[in-house]
Amino acid sequence: LIWEKTVKCINVQNAGIRAVNGRYTLSGNIDGVSAYRKIGVWKEQEVEFCLYRYDKLDETKWWFISIAPKGSQPGTHDDKDFYMAPASLEHSDIPPESTWAINDYGINPPPTIICKSELLPESGEESGDN
């Protein structure tokens, strides 16, 4: 059995926009890496915040915390981007902990991130009881 380390949830904390703070859970892939979502309230509306990586046109990779319009994938000009951080060269598949900066809708201070990972069987492998 082969095991891989998977980040299952991410805690966002200390952001100036309080609604951004909280626990984001694994929710599919964007740009070939895990993306994370949480339901929250912003401007008295229930919204879905997304923490995801995006490959910009200049081929640099950035992590964003945004709200995408309902029914659309994050990573468009219609997103409401709160915070962004450059992807680490060594670990570009997980969001950085502390290099976040404010974006269009964000206010200081930018957040810090804590990734919660666990060891899971690699895709396709079963680990159940026989």
Foldseek 3Di string as FASTA:
>chain_A
DDKDKDFAKKAKDDFPPVQLGDIWGWDDADPRATKTWDWTADPNDIFIWIWHWDQDPVRWIKTWTWTAPPPDDPDDPRIGTFKMATQDPVCNRDHAFPRIDGDDNGDPDGIGMDTDIDMDHDPPDDDDDD
